[in-house]
N, C-alpha and C. Protein backbone atom coordinates (compact mmCIF):
# COMPACT_ATOMS: atom_id res chain seq x y z
N MET A 1 -24.08 -2.68 -3.32
CA MET A 1 -24.29 -1.72 -4.38
C MET A 1 -23.34 -2.03 -5.52
N ARG A 2 -23.78 -1.73 -6.71
CA ARG A 2 -22.96 -2.08 -7.85
C ARG A 2 -21.85 -1.06 -8.11
N LYS A 3 -20.81 -1.52 -8.79
CA LYS A 3 -19.66 -0.66 -9.07
C LYS A 3 -19.96 0.32 -10.19
N LEU A 4 -19.26 1.42 -10.17
CA LEU A 4 -19.38 2.44 -11.19
C LEU A 4 -18.05 2.58 -11.92
N THR A 5 -18.08 3.24 -13.07
CA THR A 5 -16.84 3.41 -13.81
C THR A 5 -16.23 4.78 -13.61
N GLY A 6 -16.61 5.48 -12.62
CA GLY A 6 -15.92 6.72 -12.33
C GLY A 6 -16.83 7.89 -12.07
N PHE A 7 -16.83 8.34 -10.87
CA PHE A 7 -17.48 9.58 -10.52
C PHE A 7 -16.69 10.09 -9.35
N ARG A 8 -16.82 11.34 -9.07
CA ARG A 8 -16.05 11.88 -7.96
C ARG A 8 -16.82 12.93 -7.22
N LYS A 9 -16.52 13.03 -5.95
CA LYS A 9 -17.05 14.15 -5.18
C LYS A 9 -16.31 15.36 -5.71
N LEU A 10 -17.01 16.27 -6.26
CA LEU A 10 -16.33 17.30 -7.02
C LEU A 10 -15.97 18.52 -6.19
N ASP A 11 -16.94 19.29 -5.82
CA ASP A 11 -16.59 20.63 -5.38
C ASP A 11 -17.36 21.13 -4.18
N GLN A 12 -16.72 22.09 -3.56
CA GLN A 12 -17.36 22.88 -2.52
C GLN A 12 -17.01 24.34 -2.79
N ILE A 13 -17.75 25.24 -2.21
CA ILE A 13 -17.51 26.66 -2.41
C ILE A 13 -16.74 27.20 -1.20
N ASP A 14 -15.65 27.87 -1.47
CA ASP A 14 -14.88 28.53 -0.43
C ASP A 14 -15.64 29.81 -0.05
N LYS A 15 -16.09 29.90 1.20
CA LYS A 15 -16.90 31.04 1.63
C LYS A 15 -16.14 32.36 1.60
N HIS A 16 -14.83 32.32 1.69
CA HIS A 16 -14.04 33.55 1.73
C HIS A 16 -13.74 34.08 0.33
N THR A 17 -13.36 33.19 -0.59
CA THR A 17 -13.01 33.63 -1.94
C THR A 17 -14.16 33.50 -2.92
N LEU A 18 -15.21 32.74 -2.52
CA LEU A 18 -16.37 32.44 -3.35
C LEU A 18 -16.00 31.65 -4.60
N GLU A 19 -14.89 30.94 -4.55
CA GLU A 19 -14.47 30.08 -5.66
C GLU A 19 -14.97 28.67 -5.42
N ILE A 20 -15.32 28.01 -6.51
CA ILE A 20 -15.69 26.60 -6.45
C ILE A 20 -14.40 25.82 -6.60
N ALA A 21 -14.10 25.00 -5.60
CA ALA A 21 -12.83 24.28 -5.58
C ALA A 21 -13.05 22.78 -5.37
N GLN A 22 -12.22 22.00 -6.01
CA GLN A 22 -12.29 20.55 -5.86
C GLN A 22 -11.87 20.18 -4.44
N VAL A 23 -12.63 19.29 -3.82
CA VAL A 23 -12.36 18.89 -2.44
C VAL A 23 -11.13 17.99 -2.38
N ASP A 24 -11.06 17.02 -3.25
CA ASP A 24 -9.92 16.10 -3.30
C ASP A 24 -9.82 15.51 -4.70
N ASP A 25 -8.80 14.71 -4.92
CA ASP A 25 -8.59 14.11 -6.23
C ASP A 25 -9.12 12.68 -6.33
N GLU A 26 -9.75 12.21 -5.28
CA GLU A 26 -10.19 10.83 -5.25
C GLU A 26 -11.35 10.58 -6.22
N VAL A 27 -11.29 9.45 -6.92
CA VAL A 27 -12.39 9.01 -7.77
C VAL A 27 -13.06 7.86 -7.04
N TYR A 28 -14.34 8.02 -6.77
CA TYR A 28 -15.08 7.00 -6.02
C TYR A 28 -15.64 5.99 -7.00
N THR A 29 -15.59 4.71 -6.61
CA THR A 29 -16.01 3.66 -7.52
C THR A 29 -17.32 3.00 -7.11
N ASN A 30 -17.89 3.40 -5.99
CA ASN A 30 -19.22 2.91 -5.66
C ASN A 30 -19.97 3.94 -4.83
N MET A 31 -21.27 3.83 -4.85
CA MET A 31 -22.14 4.81 -4.22
C MET A 31 -21.94 4.87 -2.70
N GLN A 32 -21.68 3.74 -2.08
CA GLN A 32 -21.53 3.72 -0.62
C GLN A 32 -20.31 4.53 -0.19
N GLU A 33 -19.19 4.41 -0.91
CA GLU A 33 -18.00 5.20 -0.59
C GLU A 33 -18.31 6.69 -0.68
N LEU A 34 -19.00 7.07 -1.74
CA LEU A 34 -19.35 8.48 -1.92
C LEU A 34 -20.30 8.94 -0.82
N ALA A 35 -21.31 8.15 -0.52
CA ALA A 35 -22.28 8.51 0.52
C ALA A 35 -21.58 8.69 1.87
N ASP A 36 -20.59 7.84 2.16
CA ASP A 36 -19.86 7.93 3.42
C ASP A 36 -19.04 9.23 3.52
N GLU A 37 -18.61 9.75 2.38
CA GLU A 37 -17.77 10.94 2.37
C GLU A 37 -18.55 12.25 2.36
N LEU A 38 -19.82 12.21 2.03
CA LEU A 38 -20.61 13.44 2.00
C LEU A 38 -20.83 13.95 3.42
N PRO A 39 -20.56 15.23 3.67
CA PRO A 39 -20.70 15.77 5.03
C PRO A 39 -22.18 15.89 5.43
N ASP A 40 -22.42 15.85 6.73
CA ASP A 40 -23.79 15.92 7.24
C ASP A 40 -24.39 17.33 7.18
N HIS A 41 -23.55 18.36 7.23
CA HIS A 41 -24.07 19.72 7.38
C HIS A 41 -23.57 20.69 6.32
N SER A 42 -22.99 20.19 5.24
CA SER A 42 -22.43 21.09 4.23
C SER A 42 -22.77 20.59 2.83
N PRO A 43 -23.22 21.48 1.95
CA PRO A 43 -23.56 21.09 0.58
C PRO A 43 -22.33 20.68 -0.22
N ARG A 44 -22.55 19.96 -1.30
CA ARG A 44 -21.49 19.59 -2.24
C ARG A 44 -22.10 19.47 -3.63
N TYR A 45 -21.25 19.65 -4.63
CA TYR A 45 -21.58 19.33 -6.01
C TYR A 45 -20.83 18.06 -6.36
N VAL A 46 -21.51 17.13 -7.02
CA VAL A 46 -20.88 15.87 -7.43
C VAL A 46 -21.14 15.69 -8.91
N LEU A 47 -20.08 15.49 -9.68
CA LEU A 47 -20.25 15.12 -11.08
C LEU A 47 -20.30 13.61 -11.15
N LEU A 48 -21.29 13.10 -11.85
CA LEU A 48 -21.52 11.67 -11.89
C LEU A 48 -21.59 11.19 -13.32
N SER A 49 -20.79 10.20 -13.63
CA SER A 49 -20.85 9.50 -14.90
C SER A 49 -21.18 8.05 -14.55
N TYR A 50 -22.40 7.64 -14.88
CA TYR A 50 -22.93 6.39 -14.34
C TYR A 50 -23.48 5.51 -15.45
N PRO A 51 -22.82 4.38 -15.76
CA PRO A 51 -23.33 3.50 -16.81
C PRO A 51 -24.58 2.74 -16.35
N LEU A 52 -25.60 2.73 -17.20
CA LEU A 52 -26.82 1.99 -16.88
C LEU A 52 -27.53 1.58 -18.16
N THR A 53 -28.40 0.61 -18.02
CA THR A 53 -29.22 0.16 -19.14
C THR A 53 -30.53 0.92 -19.08
N LEU A 54 -30.88 1.54 -20.20
CA LEU A 54 -32.08 2.37 -20.23
C LEU A 54 -33.35 1.55 -20.19
N VAL A 55 -34.36 2.11 -19.53
CA VAL A 55 -35.68 1.52 -19.48
C VAL A 55 -36.66 2.57 -19.98
N GLU A 56 -37.38 2.23 -21.03
CA GLU A 56 -38.41 3.14 -21.53
C GLU A 56 -39.74 2.46 -21.30
N SER A 57 -40.72 2.68 -22.16
CA SER A 57 -42.00 1.99 -21.98
C SER A 57 -41.81 0.49 -22.09
N ALA A 58 -40.89 0.06 -22.91
CA ALA A 58 -40.47 -1.33 -22.97
C ALA A 58 -38.95 -1.33 -22.85
N PRO A 59 -38.38 -2.27 -22.14
CA PRO A 59 -36.92 -2.27 -21.97
C PRO A 59 -36.20 -2.31 -23.32
N SER A 60 -35.34 -1.33 -23.53
CA SER A 60 -34.60 -1.26 -24.80
C SER A 60 -33.28 -2.00 -24.70
N GLY A 61 -32.75 -2.11 -23.49
CA GLY A 61 -31.47 -2.77 -23.32
C GLY A 61 -30.29 -1.92 -23.75
N ARG A 62 -30.54 -0.69 -24.16
CA ARG A 62 -29.49 0.19 -24.63
C ARG A 62 -28.66 0.72 -23.46
N LEU A 63 -27.34 0.67 -23.60
CA LEU A 63 -26.45 1.17 -22.57
C LEU A 63 -26.28 2.67 -22.72
N SER A 64 -26.35 3.37 -21.62
CA SER A 64 -26.16 4.81 -21.61
C SER A 64 -25.24 5.17 -20.46
N VAL A 65 -24.48 6.25 -20.63
CA VAL A 65 -23.61 6.73 -19.56
C VAL A 65 -23.89 8.22 -19.37
N PRO A 66 -24.97 8.54 -18.65
CA PRO A 66 -25.30 9.94 -18.46
C PRO A 66 -24.27 10.65 -17.59
N TYR A 67 -24.09 11.92 -17.88
CA TYR A 67 -23.19 12.78 -17.14
C TYR A 67 -24.05 13.85 -16.48
N VAL A 68 -24.19 13.76 -15.17
CA VAL A 68 -25.11 14.63 -14.46
C VAL A 68 -24.42 15.32 -13.28
N LEU A 69 -25.03 16.38 -12.83
CA LEU A 69 -24.58 17.08 -11.64
C LEU A 69 -25.51 16.72 -10.49
N LEU A 70 -24.95 16.16 -9.44
CA LEU A 70 -25.72 15.92 -8.22
C LEU A 70 -25.50 17.13 -7.32
N TYR A 71 -26.59 17.70 -6.87
CA TYR A 71 -26.56 18.88 -6.01
C TYR A 71 -26.98 18.40 -4.63
N TYR A 72 -26.00 18.17 -3.77
CA TYR A 72 -26.24 17.66 -2.43
C TYR A 72 -26.42 18.83 -1.47
N LEU A 73 -27.63 18.97 -0.94
CA LEU A 73 -27.96 20.07 -0.04
C LEU A 73 -28.68 19.50 1.19
N PRO A 74 -27.92 19.12 2.23
CA PRO A 74 -28.56 18.52 3.40
C PRO A 74 -29.47 19.50 4.12
N VAL A 75 -30.52 19.00 4.70
CA VAL A 75 -31.49 19.85 5.39
C VAL A 75 -30.89 20.52 6.61
N THR A 76 -29.79 20.00 7.12
CA THR A 76 -29.18 20.54 8.33
C THR A 76 -28.17 21.66 8.07
N CYS A 77 -27.94 22.02 6.81
CA CYS A 77 -26.96 23.09 6.56
C CYS A 77 -27.59 24.45 6.81
N ASN A 78 -26.74 25.42 7.12
CA ASN A 78 -27.25 26.75 7.50
C ASN A 78 -27.73 27.53 6.27
N ALA A 79 -28.48 28.59 6.53
CA ALA A 79 -29.10 29.39 5.47
C ALA A 79 -28.06 30.05 4.57
N GLU A 80 -26.95 30.49 5.13
CA GLU A 80 -25.90 31.13 4.34
C GLU A 80 -25.35 30.17 3.28
N LEU A 81 -25.05 28.93 3.67
CA LEU A 81 -24.56 27.94 2.71
C LEU A 81 -25.62 27.58 1.68
N ARG A 82 -26.86 27.48 2.11
CA ARG A 82 -27.96 27.19 1.17
C ARG A 82 -28.01 28.23 0.06
N MET A 83 -27.95 29.49 0.43
CA MET A 83 -28.01 30.58 -0.55
C MET A 83 -26.78 30.57 -1.46
N LEU A 84 -25.62 30.35 -0.88
CA LEU A 84 -24.37 30.34 -1.63
C LEU A 84 -24.39 29.25 -2.71
N TYR A 85 -24.78 28.05 -2.33
CA TYR A 85 -24.79 26.93 -3.27
C TYR A 85 -25.94 27.03 -4.27
N ALA A 86 -27.08 27.51 -3.83
CA ALA A 86 -28.21 27.67 -4.76
C ALA A 86 -27.87 28.68 -5.84
N GLY A 87 -27.17 29.75 -5.45
CA GLY A 87 -26.80 30.78 -6.42
C GLY A 87 -25.79 30.32 -7.44
N ALA A 88 -24.98 29.33 -7.10
CA ALA A 88 -23.92 28.86 -8.00
C ALA A 88 -24.29 27.58 -8.75
N LYS A 89 -25.47 27.04 -8.48
CA LYS A 89 -25.85 25.75 -9.08
C LYS A 89 -25.87 25.80 -10.61
N GLU A 90 -26.50 26.79 -11.19
CA GLU A 90 -26.57 26.87 -12.66
C GLU A 90 -25.20 27.16 -13.27
N LEU A 91 -24.40 27.95 -12.59
CA LEU A 91 -23.03 28.19 -13.07
C LEU A 91 -22.25 26.88 -13.10
N MET A 92 -22.38 26.10 -12.06
CA MET A 92 -21.70 24.80 -12.00
C MET A 92 -22.21 23.88 -13.11
N ARG A 93 -23.51 23.85 -13.30
CA ARG A 93 -24.09 23.00 -14.36
C ARG A 93 -23.58 23.42 -15.74
N ASN A 94 -23.58 24.72 -16.02
CA ASN A 94 -23.12 25.20 -17.32
C ASN A 94 -21.64 24.98 -17.53
N THR A 95 -20.85 25.20 -16.49
CA THR A 95 -19.40 25.01 -16.59
C THR A 95 -19.06 23.54 -16.83
N ALA A 96 -19.74 22.66 -16.14
CA ALA A 96 -19.48 21.22 -16.28
C ALA A 96 -20.15 20.63 -17.51
N GLU A 97 -21.09 21.38 -18.10
CA GLU A 97 -21.83 20.94 -19.29
C GLU A 97 -22.56 19.62 -19.06
N THR A 98 -23.23 19.55 -17.91
CA THR A 98 -24.03 18.36 -17.62
C THR A 98 -25.43 18.54 -18.21
N GLY A 99 -26.07 17.42 -18.50
CA GLY A 99 -27.40 17.48 -19.08
C GLY A 99 -28.51 17.60 -18.07
N LYS A 100 -28.22 17.27 -16.83
CA LYS A 100 -29.27 17.20 -15.83
C LYS A 100 -28.70 17.52 -14.45
N VAL A 101 -29.53 18.12 -13.61
CA VAL A 101 -29.17 18.35 -12.21
C VAL A 101 -30.13 17.54 -11.36
N ILE A 102 -29.58 16.76 -10.46
CA ILE A 102 -30.40 15.97 -9.54
C ILE A 102 -30.12 16.47 -8.13
N GLU A 103 -31.17 16.90 -7.45
CA GLU A 103 -31.01 17.42 -6.10
C GLU A 103 -31.20 16.31 -5.08
N MET A 104 -30.35 16.33 -4.05
CA MET A 104 -30.39 15.33 -2.98
C MET A 104 -30.32 16.03 -1.63
N ALA A 105 -31.11 15.57 -0.68
CA ALA A 105 -31.10 16.14 0.67
C ALA A 105 -30.34 15.26 1.65
N GLU A 106 -30.19 13.98 1.32
CA GLU A 106 -29.51 13.04 2.21
C GLU A 106 -28.58 12.16 1.39
N ALA A 107 -27.49 11.71 2.01
CA ALA A 107 -26.55 10.84 1.33
C ALA A 107 -27.24 9.53 0.90
N GLU A 108 -28.26 9.12 1.64
CA GLU A 108 -28.99 7.89 1.32
C GLU A 108 -29.75 8.00 0.00
N ASP A 109 -29.97 9.23 -0.48
CA ASP A 109 -30.65 9.43 -1.76
C ASP A 109 -29.85 8.84 -2.92
N LEU A 110 -28.56 8.60 -2.71
CA LEU A 110 -27.73 7.99 -3.75
C LEU A 110 -28.23 6.59 -4.11
N GLU A 111 -28.91 5.93 -3.18
CA GLU A 111 -29.42 4.59 -3.44
C GLU A 111 -30.47 4.58 -4.55
N GLN A 112 -31.19 5.68 -4.74
CA GLN A 112 -32.22 5.76 -5.77
C GLN A 112 -31.74 6.47 -7.03
N ILE A 113 -30.47 6.69 -7.16
CA ILE A 113 -29.96 7.48 -8.28
C ILE A 113 -30.25 6.81 -9.63
N GLU A 114 -30.18 5.50 -9.68
CA GLU A 114 -30.41 4.81 -10.94
C GLU A 114 -31.85 5.02 -11.40
N GLU A 115 -32.80 4.99 -10.48
CA GLU A 115 -34.20 5.24 -10.83
C GLU A 115 -34.37 6.67 -11.37
N LYS A 116 -33.71 7.62 -10.76
CA LYS A 116 -33.82 9.02 -11.19
C LYS A 116 -33.20 9.23 -12.58
N LEU A 117 -32.23 8.41 -12.92
CA LEU A 117 -31.59 8.52 -14.24
C LEU A 117 -32.34 7.72 -15.30
N GLY A 118 -33.30 6.90 -14.89
CA GLY A 118 -34.13 6.17 -15.85
C GLY A 118 -33.57 4.84 -16.27
N GLY A 119 -32.78 4.23 -15.42
CA GLY A 119 -32.17 2.94 -15.79
C GLY A 119 -32.70 1.79 -14.98
N GLN A 120 -32.13 0.65 -15.22
CA GLN A 120 -32.47 -0.54 -14.45
C GLN A 120 -31.19 -1.16 -13.96
N GLN A 121 -31.29 -1.97 -12.91
CA GLN A 121 -30.10 -2.62 -12.35
C GLN A 121 -29.71 -3.84 -13.12
């Protein structure tokens, strides 16, 4: 997988205080590292800044660095967490001022992220 110029696993919601808190300070430099760190049974919000070359009807070759919110919601998480994270998704998006929210059910969905952002490898 190709290297990135900076994205991080951002936040989880504390069930007791209902605050969105940063999980750690680590900045991940490739998708595989991030995928390995995503939990199997707990949602996460990930802010992603990912450089790519745009592809339109004809390749423009223009470089873009979209800033998006990845909403990781594994199918194995419980209903309480699903509701908690779903309710805070728009708040997280507005607070982070991202242009787009991309929902993911599995860590492996990170492999198709470039296609979802409209770029080419």
